[in-house]
Amino acid sequence: MFRTTTFITLLLIACGAEARAQWVTQTSGTTVRLRGVSAVSRSVAWASGAGGTYTRTTDGGRTWQAAQVPGASELDFRDVDAFDADTAYLLAIGTGESSRIYKTNDGGRSWALQFQNRRPAAFYDCMAFWDRSHGLAVSDPVDGRFLVIRTEDGGRTWNEIDAAGMPQALAGEGGFAASGTCVAVGGKSDAWFGTGGESGGRVFRSKDGGRTWSASYMPLASGKAAGVFSLSFWNARTGAAVGGDYTKEREAEGNAALTYDGGRTWQKIDAASRPRGYRSCVAYVPGTRGRTLLATGPSGSDYSTDGGAAWKPLGAEGFHALSVTPAGDAAWAVGENGRVGRLDAPSRLR
């Protein structure tokens, strides 16, 4: 009797722990749409959004300090990559000179404009960093090829890769600046970025730090507003892609896929197991060996504890982007009207 009662009690506790897993709303200090977020630690996180806005917490989200980058009030910061409470990069999207990269080394007290696009047809969607010094950013196609810039000195200089190393873009193919995660990096020189369009989405992959690329077709939704919106890789071979059609927020068809060979081939997740709608961001949870993943979009969030093969609901509140700490002990998500949510201990999701 004791063993049976103990088992039932433990089962109820476990089920209760799963039921309680949810995003806890925090006050971001702003009401603008937030599209970028970077979780540095349990204490430190940065977020970015419209109106040249960024916001930062250094106390786990109990308080956030929002501000505007000087001279950037017309810009939309769709991506932020941070390394500590003082150091962060911001990517502004837009055609021509609106696409920019800023950096702060003093917690936002001052910002340096490191890159300003001079190509009229370019539109930068996202960026990612291997470390504090090495990173890259991806633009929609220019003259028939996607444009990639790289830095090897912490952003002091950004240089275009040789166009000869990039396959031709398809008709109408482009990237999505939805969450700052359409590009992912890993190891010392692995990189991937996702695309969409009427011709179908693809994932481009590089093994040499973004100098040369190859591309693979994706089994995701296709269309002008559909394709690959976010990528996450937890080793050189295994990763997840999410997306769908952003005009059909609750449509789950073609919204997730997995790769086990570094992005050369992708397997579509079947209807019974995939996330519940269009998803703009996916992230793996460190410390779980790629077993636990989080995904979010305007119609809600989901999580997987089996490497992305099957997904469970994680609340109906909508977000645009999410980020998990390097230790896997906390995550933040951001969305409309300055919405910020925190999830504790995502590595313990069951």
Protein backbone atom coordinates (compact mmCIF):
# COMPACT_ATOMS: atom_id res chain seq x y z
CA MET A 1 0.00 0.00 0.00
CA PHE A 2 2.79 2.41 0.91
CA ARG A 3 4.64 1.79 -2.33
CA THR A 4 1.46 2.28 -4.37
CA THR A 5 0.59 5.49 -2.55
CA THR A 6 4.15 6.79 -2.90
CA PHE A 7 4.15 6.03 -6.62
CA ILE A 8 0.85 7.84 -7.15
CA THR A 9 2.09 10.82 -5.15
CA LEU A 10 5.27 11.05 -7.19
CA LEU A 11 3.26 10.73 -10.39
CA LEU A 12 0.95 13.56 -9.34
CA ILE A 13 3.94 15.72 -8.42
CA ALA A 14 5.54 15.06 -11.79
CA CYS A 15 2.32 15.83 -13.65
CA GLY A 16 1.84 18.95 -11.59
CA ALA A 17 5.36 20.10 -12.34
CA GLU A 18 4.66 19.74 -16.06
CA ALA A 19 1.35 21.57 -15.76
CA ARG A 20 2.99 24.48 -13.96
CA ALA A 21 5.65 24.95 -16.65
CA GLN A 22 4.75 28.27 -18.24
CA TRP A 23 6.03 31.65 -19.30
CA VAL A 24 5.90 34.14 -16.44
CA THR A 25 5.13 37.67 -17.65
CA GLN A 26 7.66 40.41 -16.87
CA THR A 27 7.53 44.18 -17.36
CA SER A 28 9.93 45.07 -20.18
CA GLY A 29 9.82 48.85 -19.77
CA THR A 30 8.51 49.38 -23.31
CA THR A 31 5.36 48.84 -25.37
CA VAL A 32 6.99 48.46 -28.79
CA ARG A 33 6.97 45.18 -30.68
CA LEU A 34 9.98 43.10 -29.60
CA ARG A 35 11.49 40.70 -32.14
CA GLY A 36 14.96 39.92 -30.78
CA VAL A 37 16.10 38.41 -27.48
CA SER A 38 19.39 37.08 -26.15
CA ALA A 39 19.58 35.20 -22.83
CA VAL A 40 23.07 35.51 -21.35
CA SER A 41 22.52 33.99 -17.90
CA ARG A 42 19.82 33.59 -15.25
CA SER A 43 20.40 37.23 -14.39
CA VAL A 44 21.20 38.91 -17.72
CA ALA A 45 19.14 39.15 -20.90
CA TRP A 46 18.72 41.68 -23.71
CA ALA A 47 15.77 42.27 -26.05
CA SER A 48 15.28 44.50 -29.08
CA GLY A 49 12.50 45.84 -31.25
CA ALA A 50 10.84 48.69 -33.12
CA GLY A 51 11.56 52.37 -32.77
CA GLY A 52 15.28 51.84 -32.25
CA THR A 53 14.49 50.21 -28.92
CA TYR A 54 16.43 47.80 -26.76
CA THR A 55 15.83 46.67 -23.19
CA ARG A 56 18.06 44.86 -20.71
CA THR A 57 17.78 43.10 -17.37
CA THR A 58 20.58 42.28 -14.96
CA ASP A 59 18.43 40.88 -12.14
CA GLY A 60 16.67 37.99 -13.82
CA GLY A 61 13.89 40.15 -15.20
CA ARG A 62 12.59 41.65 -11.97
CA THR A 63 13.42 44.97 -13.61
CA TRP A 64 14.14 45.88 -17.23
CA GLN A 65 15.74 49.10 -18.45
CA ALA A 66 14.48 50.15 -21.88
CA ALA A 67 16.09 52.83 -24.03
CA GLN A 68 16.54 53.99 -27.60
CA VAL A 69 19.78 53.92 -29.56
CA PRO A 70 20.62 57.57 -30.40
CA GLY A 71 19.73 58.42 -33.99
CA ALA A 72 17.91 55.10 -34.51
CA SER A 73 14.30 56.02 -33.76
CA GLU A 74 13.17 54.97 -37.25
CA LEU A 75 14.93 51.61 -37.14
CA ASP A 76 13.55 48.18 -36.30
CA PHE A 77 16.01 46.02 -34.34
CA ARG A 78 14.97 42.47 -35.22
CA ASP A 79 18.04 40.77 -33.73
CA VAL A 80 20.21 41.14 -30.64
CA ASP A 81 23.22 38.98 -29.72
CA ALA A 82 24.67 39.60 -26.27
CA PHE A 83 27.68 38.19 -24.42
CA ASP A 84 27.35 39.76 -20.98
CA ALA A 85 25.69 42.66 -19.18
CA ASP A 86 27.90 45.13 -21.05
CA THR A 87 28.40 43.68 -24.53
CA ALA A 88 25.69 43.33 -27.19
CA TYR A 89 25.15 43.67 -30.94
CA LEU A 90 21.94 44.97 -32.52
CA LEU A 91 20.84 44.32 -36.12
CA ALA A 92 18.41 46.75 -37.76
CA ILE A 93 16.51 45.50 -40.80
CA GLY A 94 15.36 47.37 -43.89
CA THR A 95 16.34 48.18 -47.43
CA GLY A 96 19.40 50.22 -48.21
CA GLU A 97 20.94 52.16 -45.35
CA SER A 98 18.31 51.04 -42.85
CA SER A 99 20.13 47.72 -42.49
CA ARG A 100 22.73 48.37 -39.80
CA ILE A 101 24.69 46.75 -36.99
CA TYR A 102 25.41 48.53 -33.71
CA LYS A 103 27.51 47.41 -30.76
CA THR A 104 27.82 48.45 -27.13
CA ASN A 105 30.61 47.60 -24.70
CA ASP A 106 29.20 49.53 -21.75
CA GLY A 107 25.72 48.18 -21.17
CA GLY A 108 24.04 50.52 -23.64
CA ARG A 109 25.40 53.83 -22.35
CA SER A 110 26.96 54.27 -25.79
CA TRP A 111 26.55 52.53 -29.14
CA ALA A 112 28.94 52.31 -32.09
CA LEU A 113 27.55 52.03 -35.61
CA GLN A 114 29.72 49.22 -36.95
CA PHE A 115 28.02 48.52 -40.27
CA GLN A 116 25.62 50.43 -42.52
CA ASN A 117 24.48 48.82 -45.73
CA ARG A 118 25.24 50.77 -48.91
CA ARG A 119 23.63 48.39 -51.40
CA PRO A 120 20.14 49.66 -52.35
CA ALA A 121 18.79 46.17 -52.96
CA ALA A 122 20.15 44.54 -49.78
CA PHE A 123 17.94 43.77 -46.78
CA TYR A 124 19.63 42.13 -43.79
CA ASP A 125 17.50 39.61 -41.90
CA CYS A 126 19.58 38.10 -39.09
CA MET A 127 23.03 37.62 -37.60
CA ALA A 128 24.86 35.08 -35.41
CA PHE A 129 28.22 34.81 -33.65
CA TRP A 130 30.56 31.92 -33.01
CA ASP A 131 32.26 33.97 -30.28
CA ARG A 132 32.82 37.59 -29.30
CA SER A 133 34.99 38.26 -32.33
CA HIS A 134 33.62 36.08 -35.13
CA GLY A 135 30.17 36.46 -36.63
CA LEU A 136 28.14 36.87 -39.79
CA ALA A 137 24.93 38.48 -41.04
CA VAL A 138 22.70 37.46 -43.95
CA SER A 139 20.84 39.64 -46.46
CA ASP A 140 18.18 38.81 -49.02
CA PRO A 141 19.56 38.20 -52.53
CA VAL A 142 21.46 40.92 -54.36
CA ASP A 143 22.15 40.35 -58.07
CA GLY A 144 20.74 36.83 -57.79
CA ARG A 145 22.66 35.63 -54.73
CA PHE A 146 22.21 35.91 -50.99
CA LEU A 147 24.63 38.38 -49.45
CA VAL A 148 26.67 37.43 -46.38
CA ILE A 149 29.01 39.67 -44.40
CA ARG A 150 31.54 38.46 -41.83
CA THR A 151 33.52 39.93 -38.99
CA GLU A 152 36.65 38.49 -37.40
CA ASP A 153 37.45 41.41 -35.10
CA GLY A 154 34.41 41.95 -32.95
CA GLY A 155 32.60 43.98 -35.59
CA ARG A 156 35.21 46.66 -36.18
CA THR A 157 35.16 45.53 -39.80
CA TRP A 158 32.49 43.63 -41.76
CA ASN A 159 33.40 42.16 -45.15
CA GLU A 160 31.26 40.62 -47.89
CA ILE A 161 32.02 37.07 -48.89
CA ASP A 162 32.88 36.42 -52.52
CA ALA A 163 29.65 35.94 -54.48
CA ALA A 164 31.24 32.96 -56.23
CA GLY A 165 30.87 30.98 -53.00
CA MET A 166 27.07 31.38 -52.91
CA PRO A 167 24.61 29.34 -55.03
CA GLN A 168 22.11 31.21 -57.17
CA ALA A 169 18.90 32.25 -55.43
CA LEU A 170 15.61 30.93 -56.74
CA ALA A 171 12.92 33.21 -58.16
CA GLY A 172 11.24 35.02 -55.28
CA GLU A 173 13.46 33.40 -52.66
CA GLY A 174 14.28 35.38 -49.52
CA GLY A 175 14.86 35.24 -45.79
CA PHE A 176 12.55 36.13 -42.91
CA ALA A 177 13.46 38.75 -40.32
CA ALA A 178 10.98 37.37 -37.80
CA SER A 179 13.10 36.51 -34.77
CA GLY A 180 16.78 37.03 -35.58
CA THR A 181 17.23 33.27 -35.86
CA CYS A 182 17.08 32.57 -39.59
CA VAL A 183 20.85 31.98 -39.32
CA ALA A 184 22.60 29.61 -36.91
CA VAL A 185 26.26 28.84 -36.22
CA GLY A 186 28.09 26.01 -34.48
CA GLY A 187 31.55 24.72 -33.67
CA LYS A 188 34.29 26.98 -35.00
CA SER A 189 33.14 27.37 -38.60
CA ASP A 190 29.73 25.74 -39.22
CA ALA A 191 26.87 27.98 -40.34
CA TRP A 192 23.35 27.57 -41.72
CA PHE A 193 20.61 29.94 -42.87
CA GLY A 194 17.02 29.33 -43.96
CA THR A 195 14.90 30.80 -46.74
CA GLY A 196 11.38 30.70 -48.15
CA GLY A 197 9.27 31.70 -51.12
CA GLU A 198 7.03 30.42 -53.88
CA SER A 199 9.72 28.01 -55.06
CA GLY A 200 9.98 26.40 -51.61
CA GLY A 201 12.28 27.02 -48.68
CA ARG A 202 15.89 25.94 -48.52
CA VAL A 203 18.65 25.68 -45.93
CA PHE A 204 22.09 26.91 -46.94
CA ARG A 205 25.06 25.41 -45.10
CA SER A 206 28.74 26.31 -44.79
CA LYS A 207 31.66 24.43 -43.24
CA ASP A 208 34.23 27.20 -43.66
CA GLY A 209 32.88 30.09 -41.67
CA GLY A 210 30.50 31.34 -44.35
CA ARG A 211 32.93 31.62 -47.24
CA THR A 212 31.29 28.94 -49.39
CA TRP A 213 27.77 27.51 -49.26
CA SER A 214 25.59 24.70 -50.55
CA ALA A 215 21.79 24.45 -50.35
CA SER A 216 19.14 21.81 -49.67
CA TYR A 217 15.39 21.93 -50.23
CA MET A 218 13.10 21.83 -47.20
CA PRO A 219 9.87 19.85 -46.67
CA LEU A 220 8.16 22.92 -45.20
CA ALA A 221 5.29 25.09 -46.39
CA SER A 222 5.96 27.11 -49.54
CA GLY A 223 4.54 30.45 -50.67
CA LYS A 224 5.30 34.14 -50.61
CA ALA A 225 4.92 34.25 -46.81
CA ALA A 226 6.14 30.72 -46.06
CA GLY A 227 9.30 28.74 -45.53
CA VAL A 228 12.07 28.44 -42.95
CA PHE A 229 11.90 31.10 -40.25
CA SER A 230 14.27 29.75 -37.61
CA LEU A 231 17.09 27.23 -37.23
CA SER A 232 18.78 25.64 -34.22
CA PHE A 233 21.71 23.20 -34.28
CA TRP A 234 23.10 21.50 -31.17
CA ASN A 235 25.96 19.72 -32.92
CA ALA A 236 27.45 19.57 -36.39
CA ARG A 237 24.95 16.99 -37.62
CA THR A 238 21.68 17.49 -35.74
CA GLY A 239 19.32 20.42 -35.92
CA ALA A 240 15.74 21.67 -36.18
CA ALA A 241 13.94 24.11 -38.45
CA VAL A 242 10.58 25.74 -37.86
CA GLY A 243 8.38 28.04 -39.90
CA GLY A 244 5.23 27.66 -41.94
CA ASP A 245 3.13 30.51 -43.34
CA TYR A 246 3.07 33.62 -41.17
CA THR A 247 -0.28 34.70 -42.63
CA LYS A 248 -1.79 31.49 -41.24
CA GLU A 249 -0.70 31.63 -37.60
CA ARG A 250 -2.63 28.55 -36.48
CA GLU A 251 -1.87 26.39 -39.52
CA ALA A 252 0.57 23.61 -38.58
CA GLU A 253 1.12 22.12 -42.04
CA GLY A 254 4.80 22.19 -43.01
CA ASN A 255 5.98 24.01 -39.88
CA ALA A 256 8.87 21.84 -38.61
CA ALA A 257 11.63 19.54 -39.83
CA LEU A 258 14.75 17.81 -38.47
CA THR A 259 18.17 16.97 -39.90
CA TYR A 260 20.63 14.31 -38.81
CA ASP A 261 23.34 14.93 -41.42
CA GLY A 262 24.28 18.57 -40.93
CA GLY A 263 21.48 19.99 -43.05
CA ARG A 264 22.02 17.99 -46.24
CA THR A 265 18.65 16.28 -45.88
CA TRP A 266 15.59 17.10 -43.76
CA GLN A 267 12.71 15.04 -42.39
CA LYS A 268 9.28 16.59 -42.06
CA ILE A 269 7.57 16.06 -38.69
CA ASP A 270 4.25 14.29 -39.10
CA ALA A 271 0.90 15.89 -38.35
CA ALA A 272 0.34 14.19 -34.99
CA SER A 273 3.65 15.32 -33.54
CA ARG A 274 4.47 18.79 -34.84
CA PRO A 275 3.99 22.19 -33.10
CA ARG A 276 0.47 23.61 -33.15
CA GLY A 277 0.90 26.45 -35.66
CA TYR A 278 3.26 28.71 -37.56
CA ARG A 279 6.44 29.07 -35.49
CA SER A 280 8.91 31.93 -35.85
CA CYS A 281 11.63 30.69 -33.49
CA VAL A 282 13.16 27.45 -32.25
CA ALA A 283 15.96 26.95 -29.71
CA TYR A 284 17.58 23.93 -28.13
CA VAL A 285 18.10 23.76 -24.37
CA PRO A 286 21.79 23.30 -23.45
CA GLY A 287 22.53 20.52 -21.01
CA THR A 288 19.97 18.17 -22.55
CA ARG A 289 22.15 16.97 -25.43
CA GLY A 290 19.67 18.28 -27.92
CA ARG A 291 16.78 16.38 -26.42
CA THR A 292 14.82 19.42 -25.26
CA LEU A 293 13.73 22.14 -27.67
CA LEU A 294 11.47 25.17 -27.38
CA ALA A 295 9.50 26.77 -30.21
CA THR A 296 7.26 29.82 -30.28
CA GLY A 297 5.10 31.91 -32.57
CA PRO A 298 2.16 34.32 -32.45
CA SER A 299 -0.32 31.53 -31.61
CA GLY A 300 1.62 29.98 -28.72
CA SER A 301 4.65 27.94 -27.66
CA ASP A 302 5.59 24.26 -27.68
CA TYR A 303 8.38 22.08 -26.34
CA SER A 304 9.93 18.74 -27.23
CA THR A 305 11.90 16.39 -25.01
CA ASP A 306 12.86 13.89 -27.72
CA GLY A 307 14.96 16.00 -30.04
CA GLY A 308 12.03 17.51 -31.92
CA ALA A 309 10.23 14.34 -33.00
CA ALA A 310 7.14 15.14 -30.91
CA TRP A 311 5.93 18.43 -29.42
CA LYS A 312 3.75 19.37 -26.45
CA PRO A 313 1.93 22.66 -25.71
CA LEU A 314 3.65 25.30 -23.59
CA GLY A 315 0.96 27.94 -23.35
CA ALA A 316 -1.22 29.85 -25.81
CA GLU A 317 0.36 33.26 -25.28
CA GLY A 318 2.05 34.40 -28.48
CA PHE A 319 5.67 35.47 -28.86
CA HIS A 320 7.95 36.23 -31.81
CA ALA A 321 11.33 35.10 -30.46
CA LEU A 322 12.91 33.18 -27.61
CA SER A 323 16.39 32.50 -26.26
CA VAL A 324 17.78 29.99 -23.75
CA THR A 325 20.74 30.65 -21.45
CA PRO A 326 24.01 28.79 -22.19
CA ALA A 327 23.45 26.80 -18.99
CA GLY A 328 19.90 25.85 -19.95
CA ASP A 329 18.56 27.11 -16.62
CA ALA A 330 16.28 29.89 -17.94
CA ALA A 331 14.70 31.17 -21.14
CA TRP A 332 13.09 34.42 -22.22
CA ALA A 333 10.54 35.06 -24.97
CA VAL A 334 9.42 38.40 -26.46
CA GLY A 335 6.53 39.65 -28.56
CA GLU A 336 3.92 42.31 -29.24
CA ASN A 337 3.45 45.44 -27.09
CA GLY A 338 6.72 44.91 -25.24
CA ARG A 339 5.67 41.46 -24.05
CA VAL A 340 8.38 39.52 -22.19
CA GLY A 341 8.04 36.10 -20.57
CA ARG A 342 10.50 34.05 -18.56
CA LEU A 343 10.62 30.27 -18.26
CA ASP A 344 12.65 28.79 -15.42
CA ALA A 345 14.52 25.50 -15.68
CA PRO A 346 13.56 24.54 -19.26
CA SER A 347 16.02 21.64 -18.99
CA ARG A 348 13.61 20.04 -16.49
CA LEU A 349 10.63 19.97 -18.79
CA ARG A 350 9.11 16.51 -19.07
